[in-house]
N, C-alpha and C. Protein backbone atom coordinates (compact mmCIF):
# COMPACT_ATOMS: atom_id res chain seq x y z
N MET A 1 -17.56 -8.23 -14.18
CA MET A 1 -16.70 -7.82 -13.09
C MET A 1 -16.94 -6.35 -12.77
N GLU A 2 -17.30 -6.07 -11.54
CA GLU A 2 -17.45 -4.70 -11.08
C GLU A 2 -16.34 -4.42 -10.08
N LEU A 3 -15.47 -3.46 -10.42
CA LEU A 3 -14.35 -3.10 -9.56
C LEU A 3 -14.58 -1.70 -9.03
N ARG A 4 -14.41 -1.55 -7.73
CA ARG A 4 -14.62 -0.26 -7.08
C ARG A 4 -13.46 -0.01 -6.12
N ILE A 5 -12.94 1.20 -6.13
CA ILE A 5 -11.91 1.62 -5.18
C ILE A 5 -12.59 2.51 -4.15
N ARG A 6 -12.35 2.22 -2.88
CA ARG A 6 -12.94 3.04 -1.82
C ARG A 6 -11.96 3.14 -0.66
N ASN A 7 -12.24 4.08 0.24
CA ASN A 7 -11.45 4.19 1.46
C ASN A 7 -11.64 2.93 2.29
N ALA A 8 -10.56 2.46 2.88
CA ALA A 8 -10.65 1.29 3.76
C ALA A 8 -11.47 1.65 4.99
N GLU A 9 -12.07 0.63 5.58
CA GLU A 9 -12.83 0.77 6.82
C GLU A 9 -12.37 -0.33 7.76
N THR A 10 -12.64 -0.18 9.04
CA THR A 10 -12.20 -1.20 9.99
C THR A 10 -12.83 -2.55 9.68
N LYS A 11 -13.99 -2.56 9.03
CA LYS A 11 -14.63 -3.84 8.68
C LYS A 11 -13.81 -4.62 7.65
N ASP A 12 -12.82 -3.98 7.04
CA ASP A 12 -11.95 -4.64 6.05
C ASP A 12 -10.77 -5.35 6.70
N SER A 13 -10.67 -5.29 8.01
CA SER A 13 -9.49 -5.82 8.72
C SER A 13 -9.21 -7.28 8.39
N GLU A 14 -10.22 -8.10 8.40
CA GLU A 14 -10.01 -9.53 8.13
C GLU A 14 -9.50 -9.75 6.71
N ALA A 15 -10.11 -9.08 5.75
CA ALA A 15 -9.68 -9.23 4.36
C ALA A 15 -8.24 -8.75 4.18
N ILE A 16 -7.90 -7.62 4.79
CA ILE A 16 -6.54 -7.08 4.69
C ILE A 16 -5.54 -8.04 5.33
N ALA A 17 -5.89 -8.61 6.47
CA ALA A 17 -5.01 -9.58 7.13
C ALA A 17 -4.81 -10.81 6.25
N ASN A 18 -5.88 -11.30 5.65
CA ASN A 18 -5.78 -12.48 4.77
C ASN A 18 -4.92 -12.18 3.55
N LEU A 19 -5.12 -11.03 2.94
CA LEU A 19 -4.31 -10.67 1.77
C LEU A 19 -2.84 -10.54 2.16
N SER A 20 -2.58 -9.90 3.28
CA SER A 20 -1.20 -9.74 3.74
C SER A 20 -0.55 -11.09 4.02
N GLY A 21 -1.34 -12.03 4.50
CA GLY A 21 -0.85 -13.38 4.74
C GLY A 21 -0.34 -14.06 3.48
N GLN A 22 -0.90 -13.68 2.32
CA GLN A 22 -0.43 -14.25 1.06
C GLN A 22 1.02 -13.88 0.77
N LEU A 23 1.49 -12.78 1.38
CA LEU A 23 2.89 -12.37 1.21
C LEU A 23 3.76 -12.78 2.39
N GLY A 24 3.19 -13.55 3.31
CA GLY A 24 3.97 -14.06 4.43
C GLY A 24 3.88 -13.24 5.70
N TYR A 25 3.08 -12.18 5.71
CA TYR A 25 2.92 -11.38 6.92
C TYR A 25 1.94 -12.09 7.85
N GLU A 26 2.18 -11.98 9.15
CA GLU A 26 1.41 -12.76 10.11
C GLU A 26 0.52 -11.92 11.01
N SER A 27 0.16 -10.72 10.60
CA SER A 27 -0.71 -9.88 11.42
C SER A 27 -2.11 -10.47 11.49
N THR A 28 -2.69 -10.41 12.67
CA THR A 28 -4.05 -10.93 12.86
C THR A 28 -5.08 -9.87 12.49
N GLU A 29 -6.31 -10.29 12.37
CA GLU A 29 -7.41 -9.36 12.08
C GLU A 29 -7.48 -8.30 13.17
N SER A 30 -7.31 -8.71 14.41
CA SER A 30 -7.37 -7.78 15.54
C SER A 30 -6.25 -6.73 15.47
N GLN A 31 -5.05 -7.18 15.14
CA GLN A 31 -3.92 -6.24 15.01
C GLN A 31 -4.17 -5.26 13.87
N ILE A 32 -4.63 -5.76 12.74
CA ILE A 32 -4.92 -4.90 11.60
C ILE A 32 -6.00 -3.89 11.97
N ARG A 33 -7.03 -4.34 12.64
CA ARG A 33 -8.13 -3.45 13.04
C ARG A 33 -7.61 -2.30 13.91
N LYS A 34 -6.76 -2.61 14.89
CA LYS A 34 -6.22 -1.58 15.77
C LYS A 34 -5.38 -0.58 14.98
N ARG A 35 -4.58 -1.09 14.05
CA ARG A 35 -3.75 -0.19 13.23
C ARG A 35 -4.62 0.68 12.33
N LEU A 36 -5.64 0.06 11.73
CA LEU A 36 -6.53 0.83 10.86
C LEU A 36 -7.23 1.95 11.62
N GLU A 37 -7.63 1.69 12.85
CA GLU A 37 -8.29 2.73 13.65
C GLU A 37 -7.39 3.95 13.77
N ILE A 38 -6.11 3.74 13.95
CA ILE A 38 -5.15 4.84 14.06
C ILE A 38 -4.93 5.50 12.70
N LEU A 39 -4.66 4.68 11.69
CA LEU A 39 -4.35 5.22 10.36
C LEU A 39 -5.51 5.99 9.76
N LEU A 40 -6.71 5.45 9.89
CA LEU A 40 -7.87 6.09 9.28
C LEU A 40 -8.23 7.41 9.95
N ALA A 41 -7.77 7.61 11.18
CA ALA A 41 -8.03 8.86 11.89
C ALA A 41 -6.99 9.93 11.57
N SER A 42 -5.96 9.57 10.83
CA SER A 42 -4.86 10.49 10.54
C SER A 42 -4.96 11.03 9.12
N LYS A 43 -4.80 12.34 8.99
CA LYS A 43 -4.82 12.95 7.65
C LYS A 43 -3.53 12.66 6.88
N ASP A 44 -2.52 12.11 7.56
CA ASP A 44 -1.25 11.82 6.91
C ASP A 44 -1.18 10.41 6.32
N HIS A 45 -2.28 9.67 6.40
CA HIS A 45 -2.32 8.31 5.88
C HIS A 45 -3.52 8.15 4.95
N CYS A 46 -3.32 7.35 3.92
CA CYS A 46 -4.37 7.03 2.96
C CYS A 46 -4.39 5.50 2.82
N VAL A 47 -5.52 4.89 3.15
CA VAL A 47 -5.65 3.44 3.00
C VAL A 47 -6.88 3.19 2.13
N LEU A 48 -6.65 2.54 1.01
CA LEU A 48 -7.72 2.25 0.05
C LEU A 48 -7.82 0.75 -0.16
N VAL A 49 -9.01 0.30 -0.52
CA VAL A 49 -9.21 -1.09 -0.90
C VAL A 49 -9.84 -1.14 -2.28
N ALA A 50 -9.52 -2.20 -3.01
CA ALA A 50 -10.15 -2.49 -4.30
C ALA A 50 -11.15 -3.61 -4.04
N VAL A 51 -12.39 -3.36 -4.38
CA VAL A 51 -13.45 -4.35 -4.14
C VAL A 51 -13.97 -4.81 -5.50
N GLU A 52 -13.84 -6.11 -5.75
CA GLU A 52 -14.31 -6.69 -7.01
C GLU A 52 -15.45 -7.64 -6.71
N ASP A 53 -16.61 -7.33 -7.26
CA ASP A 53 -17.81 -8.16 -7.03
C ASP A 53 -18.04 -8.44 -5.55
N GLY A 54 -17.87 -7.40 -4.72
CA GLY A 54 -18.14 -7.50 -3.30
C GLY A 54 -17.02 -8.07 -2.45
N ILE A 55 -15.90 -8.45 -3.06
CA ILE A 55 -14.77 -9.06 -2.34
C ILE A 55 -13.57 -8.11 -2.39
N VAL A 56 -12.93 -7.91 -1.24
CA VAL A 56 -11.72 -7.08 -1.20
C VAL A 56 -10.61 -7.84 -1.92
N ALA A 57 -10.20 -7.31 -3.07
CA ALA A 57 -9.21 -7.97 -3.91
C ALA A 57 -7.82 -7.37 -3.76
N GLY A 58 -7.72 -6.24 -3.05
CA GLY A 58 -6.42 -5.62 -2.86
C GLY A 58 -6.52 -4.40 -1.97
N TRP A 59 -5.37 -3.96 -1.49
CA TRP A 59 -5.33 -2.76 -0.66
C TRP A 59 -4.01 -2.04 -0.87
N ILE A 60 -4.03 -0.74 -0.56
CA ILE A 60 -2.81 0.08 -0.60
C ILE A 60 -2.82 1.00 0.61
N HIS A 61 -1.66 1.20 1.17
CA HIS A 61 -1.48 2.16 2.27
C HIS A 61 -0.38 3.12 1.86
N ALA A 62 -0.68 4.40 1.86
CA ALA A 62 0.29 5.44 1.55
C ALA A 62 0.34 6.40 2.74
N PHE A 63 1.52 6.95 2.98
CA PHE A 63 1.62 7.92 4.08
C PHE A 63 2.55 9.06 3.71
N HIS A 64 2.22 10.22 4.25
CA HIS A 64 2.99 11.43 4.02
C HIS A 64 4.23 11.38 4.91
N SER A 65 5.38 11.56 4.31
CA SER A 65 6.63 11.49 5.05
C SER A 65 7.39 12.80 4.93
N VAL A 66 7.94 13.25 6.03
CA VAL A 66 8.78 14.44 6.03
C VAL A 66 10.10 14.02 6.67
N GLN A 67 11.17 14.21 5.93
CA GLN A 67 12.49 13.86 6.45
C GLN A 67 13.41 15.06 6.30
N VAL A 68 14.30 15.20 7.25
CA VAL A 68 15.20 16.35 7.26
C VAL A 68 15.95 16.48 5.94
N GLU A 69 16.52 15.36 5.47
CA GLU A 69 17.39 15.43 4.30
C GLU A 69 16.67 15.27 2.98
N SER A 70 15.47 14.69 2.95
CA SER A 70 14.81 14.47 1.66
C SER A 70 13.51 15.21 1.48
N GLY A 71 13.13 16.00 2.42
CA GLY A 71 11.92 16.80 2.26
C GLY A 71 10.64 15.98 2.34
N PHE A 72 9.64 16.44 1.58
CA PHE A 72 8.31 15.84 1.61
C PHE A 72 8.14 14.82 0.49
N PHE A 73 7.57 13.69 0.82
CA PHE A 73 7.17 12.72 -0.20
C PHE A 73 6.12 11.81 0.40
N VAL A 74 5.49 11.04 -0.45
CA VAL A 74 4.55 10.02 0.00
C VAL A 74 5.22 8.68 -0.19
N GLU A 75 5.13 7.85 0.83
CA GLU A 75 5.69 6.51 0.74
C GLU A 75 4.56 5.49 0.74
N ILE A 76 4.73 4.46 -0.05
CA ILE A 76 3.78 3.36 -0.07
C ILE A 76 4.19 2.40 1.05
N GLY A 77 3.33 2.28 2.04
CA GLY A 77 3.61 1.39 3.16
C GLY A 77 3.26 -0.05 2.85
N GLY A 78 2.38 -0.25 1.89
CA GLY A 78 1.99 -1.60 1.49
C GLY A 78 1.04 -1.56 0.31
N LEU A 79 1.18 -2.53 -0.55
CA LEU A 79 0.29 -2.73 -1.70
C LEU A 79 0.19 -4.23 -1.91
N VAL A 80 -1.00 -4.78 -1.71
CA VAL A 80 -1.19 -6.22 -1.86
C VAL A 80 -2.43 -6.47 -2.71
N ILE A 81 -2.26 -7.31 -3.71
CA ILE A 81 -3.37 -7.74 -4.55
C ILE A 81 -3.53 -9.25 -4.37
N ASP A 82 -4.76 -9.69 -4.21
CA ASP A 82 -5.05 -11.11 -4.06
C ASP A 82 -4.41 -11.88 -5.22
N GLU A 83 -3.79 -13.01 -4.89
CA GLU A 83 -3.08 -13.79 -5.91
C GLU A 83 -4.00 -14.23 -7.05
N ASN A 84 -5.29 -14.34 -6.81
CA ASN A 84 -6.24 -14.72 -7.86
C ASN A 84 -6.75 -13.54 -8.67
N HIS A 85 -6.31 -12.33 -8.31
CA HIS A 85 -6.76 -11.12 -9.01
C HIS A 85 -5.61 -10.32 -9.61
N ARG A 86 -4.41 -10.88 -9.59
CA ARG A 86 -3.25 -10.15 -10.11
C ARG A 86 -3.29 -10.10 -11.64
N ARG A 87 -2.57 -9.12 -12.16
CA ARG A 87 -2.45 -8.89 -13.60
C ARG A 87 -3.78 -8.49 -14.25
N LYS A 88 -4.60 -7.82 -13.46
CA LYS A 88 -5.86 -7.28 -13.97
C LYS A 88 -5.87 -5.75 -13.93
N GLY A 89 -4.75 -5.16 -13.53
CA GLY A 89 -4.67 -3.70 -13.45
C GLY A 89 -5.11 -3.12 -12.11
N ILE A 90 -5.40 -3.97 -11.14
CA ILE A 90 -5.90 -3.48 -9.84
C ILE A 90 -4.81 -2.72 -9.10
N GLY A 91 -3.58 -3.23 -9.10
CA GLY A 91 -2.48 -2.55 -8.42
C GLY A 91 -2.23 -1.18 -9.02
N GLN A 92 -2.24 -1.10 -10.34
CA GLN A 92 -2.03 0.17 -11.01
C GLN A 92 -3.16 1.15 -10.69
N LEU A 93 -4.37 0.65 -10.67
CA LEU A 93 -5.52 1.50 -10.35
C LEU A 93 -5.43 2.05 -8.92
N LEU A 94 -5.07 1.20 -7.98
CA LEU A 94 -4.89 1.67 -6.60
C LEU A 94 -3.81 2.75 -6.53
N MET A 95 -2.70 2.51 -7.23
CA MET A 95 -1.62 3.49 -7.22
C MET A 95 -2.09 4.81 -7.84
N GLU A 96 -2.84 4.73 -8.93
CA GLU A 96 -3.34 5.94 -9.58
C GLU A 96 -4.26 6.73 -8.65
N ARG A 97 -4.97 6.05 -7.78
CA ARG A 97 -5.87 6.73 -6.84
C ARG A 97 -5.09 7.41 -5.72
N VAL A 98 -3.87 6.96 -5.47
CA VAL A 98 -3.04 7.59 -4.45
C VAL A 98 -2.41 8.89 -4.97
N LEU A 99 -2.17 8.97 -6.27
CA LEU A 99 -1.49 10.13 -6.85
C LEU A 99 -2.15 11.46 -6.50
N PRO A 100 -3.47 11.62 -6.70
CA PRO A 100 -4.08 12.91 -6.35
C PRO A 100 -3.97 13.22 -4.85
N TRP A 101 -4.07 12.19 -4.03
CA TRP A 101 -3.92 12.40 -2.59
C TRP A 101 -2.51 12.91 -2.29
N ALA A 102 -1.51 12.30 -2.91
CA ALA A 102 -0.12 12.73 -2.70
C ALA A 102 0.07 14.18 -3.15
N LYS A 103 -0.46 14.51 -4.31
CA LYS A 103 -0.34 15.89 -4.81
C LYS A 103 -1.04 16.87 -3.89
N SER A 104 -2.16 16.47 -3.33
CA SER A 104 -2.90 17.36 -2.41
C SER A 104 -2.11 17.62 -1.13
N ARG A 105 -1.16 16.76 -0.83
CA ARG A 105 -0.30 16.93 0.35
C ARG A 105 0.94 17.75 0.01
N GLY A 106 1.04 18.23 -1.24
CA GLY A 106 2.18 19.03 -1.66
C GLY A 106 3.40 18.21 -2.05
N CYS A 107 3.20 16.93 -2.31
CA CYS A 107 4.33 16.05 -2.64
C CYS A 107 4.49 15.91 -4.14
N LEU A 108 5.73 15.84 -4.56
CA LEU A 108 6.05 15.68 -5.97
C LEU A 108 6.68 14.32 -6.25
N LYS A 109 6.78 13.49 -5.21
CA LYS A 109 7.44 12.20 -5.37
C LYS A 109 6.72 11.16 -4.52
N ILE A 110 6.62 9.94 -5.07
CA ILE A 110 6.13 8.79 -4.32
C ILE A 110 7.26 7.78 -4.26
N ARG A 111 7.47 7.23 -3.09
CA ARG A 111 8.54 6.24 -2.89
C ARG A 111 7.92 4.93 -2.45
N VAL A 112 8.50 3.85 -2.92
CA VAL A 112 8.09 2.53 -2.46
C VAL A 112 9.35 1.73 -2.17
N ARG A 113 9.33 1.01 -1.07
CA ARG A 113 10.43 0.11 -0.73
C ARG A 113 9.91 -1.30 -0.98
N CYS A 114 10.74 -2.11 -1.58
CA CYS A 114 10.29 -3.43 -1.99
C CYS A 114 11.35 -4.47 -1.61
N ASN A 115 10.91 -5.56 -1.04
CA ASN A 115 11.82 -6.64 -0.67
C ASN A 115 12.62 -7.07 -1.90
N THR A 116 13.93 -7.23 -1.73
CA THR A 116 14.78 -7.59 -2.86
C THR A 116 14.41 -8.93 -3.47
N LYS A 117 13.69 -9.77 -2.72
CA LYS A 117 13.30 -11.09 -3.22
C LYS A 117 12.04 -11.05 -4.09
N ARG A 118 11.32 -9.96 -4.11
CA ARG A 118 10.05 -9.89 -4.83
C ARG A 118 10.24 -9.36 -6.25
N ALA A 119 10.83 -10.19 -7.09
CA ALA A 119 11.16 -9.79 -8.46
C ALA A 119 9.93 -9.36 -9.25
N ALA A 120 8.81 -10.03 -9.07
CA ALA A 120 7.59 -9.66 -9.80
C ALA A 120 7.13 -8.26 -9.40
N SER A 121 7.31 -7.92 -8.14
CA SER A 121 6.94 -6.57 -7.69
C SER A 121 7.85 -5.52 -8.32
N HIS A 122 9.13 -5.84 -8.45
CA HIS A 122 10.06 -4.90 -9.08
C HIS A 122 9.61 -4.60 -10.51
N LEU A 123 9.25 -5.65 -11.24
CA LEU A 123 8.77 -5.46 -12.61
C LEU A 123 7.50 -4.62 -12.64
N PHE A 124 6.59 -4.89 -11.71
CA PHE A 124 5.34 -4.13 -11.64
C PHE A 124 5.63 -2.64 -11.44
N TYR A 125 6.44 -2.31 -10.45
CA TYR A 125 6.69 -0.89 -10.17
C TYR A 125 7.38 -0.20 -11.34
N ARG A 126 8.32 -0.88 -11.98
CA ARG A 126 8.94 -0.29 -13.16
C ARG A 126 7.91 -0.06 -14.26
N SER A 127 6.99 -1.00 -14.42
CA SER A 127 6.00 -0.90 -15.50
C SER A 127 5.03 0.26 -15.31
N ILE A 128 4.90 0.76 -14.07
CA ILE A 128 3.98 1.88 -13.84
C ILE A 128 4.74 3.18 -13.57
N GLY A 129 6.01 3.23 -13.98
CA GLY A 129 6.74 4.49 -13.98
C GLY A 129 7.70 4.74 -12.84
N PHE A 130 7.89 3.78 -11.95
CA PHE A 130 8.86 3.97 -10.87
C PHE A 130 10.26 3.65 -11.40
N THR A 131 11.26 4.34 -10.84
CA THR A 131 12.65 4.12 -11.19
C THR A 131 13.39 3.67 -9.93
N GLU A 132 14.17 2.61 -10.07
CA GLU A 132 14.97 2.15 -8.93
C GLU A 132 16.06 3.16 -8.66
N THR A 133 16.13 3.64 -7.42
CA THR A 133 17.12 4.66 -7.09
C THR A 133 18.22 4.16 -6.16
N LYS A 134 17.92 3.13 -5.37
CA LYS A 134 18.98 2.57 -4.52
C LYS A 134 18.52 1.25 -3.94
N GLU A 135 19.48 0.52 -3.42
CA GLU A 135 19.21 -0.72 -2.70
C GLU A 135 19.72 -0.51 -1.28
N GLN A 136 18.98 -1.04 -0.32
CA GLN A 136 19.40 -0.83 1.06
C GLN A 136 19.06 -2.03 1.92
N LYS A 137 19.62 -2.05 3.09
CA LYS A 137 19.31 -3.07 4.08
C LYS A 137 18.51 -2.39 5.19
N ILE A 138 17.60 -3.15 5.78
CA ILE A 138 16.79 -2.64 6.88
C ILE A 138 17.26 -3.32 8.16
N PHE A 139 17.50 -2.54 9.18
CA PHE A 139 17.91 -3.07 10.47
C PHE A 139 16.83 -2.74 11.49
N ASP A 140 16.40 -3.72 12.26
CA ASP A 140 15.42 -3.53 13.32
C ASP A 140 16.07 -3.82 14.66
N ARG A 141 15.55 -3.18 15.67
CA ARG A 141 16.00 -3.45 17.04
C ARG A 141 14.77 -3.46 17.94
N GLU A 142 14.58 -4.53 18.64
CA GLU A 142 13.46 -4.62 19.58
C GLU A 142 13.70 -3.68 20.75
N ILE A 143 12.64 -3.02 21.22
CA ILE A 143 12.77 -2.14 22.40
C ILE A 143 11.69 -2.47 23.42
């Protein structure tokens, strides 16, 4: 097994869409490609992929956030590992690769929001040093 972490590229759009589909997200390859074009051009976003034996086995998206009341931090916008590659340390490795990027942005904290139904994800984040700080509801409004 050869595992390599690299910056995501637009050519990874299909793999990222397929991996996201494993968690129930319905974004198409075209939608992912358009988003990646924007994210990859921004210094405030970091998108990495884990490639195992030539196959994208996971991805992570982190972004620099500045909020009036909480200051600077990096938030994990998404972390998905292929269901056939879980429990191999890939998620932890991707997260570890985000840490230096976050520190280079002057951040001392990384935040991740996780669906309350994803119990396995909660265990994963706790196992790599995250502490649950609050539970919240998300409200969306179409415009």
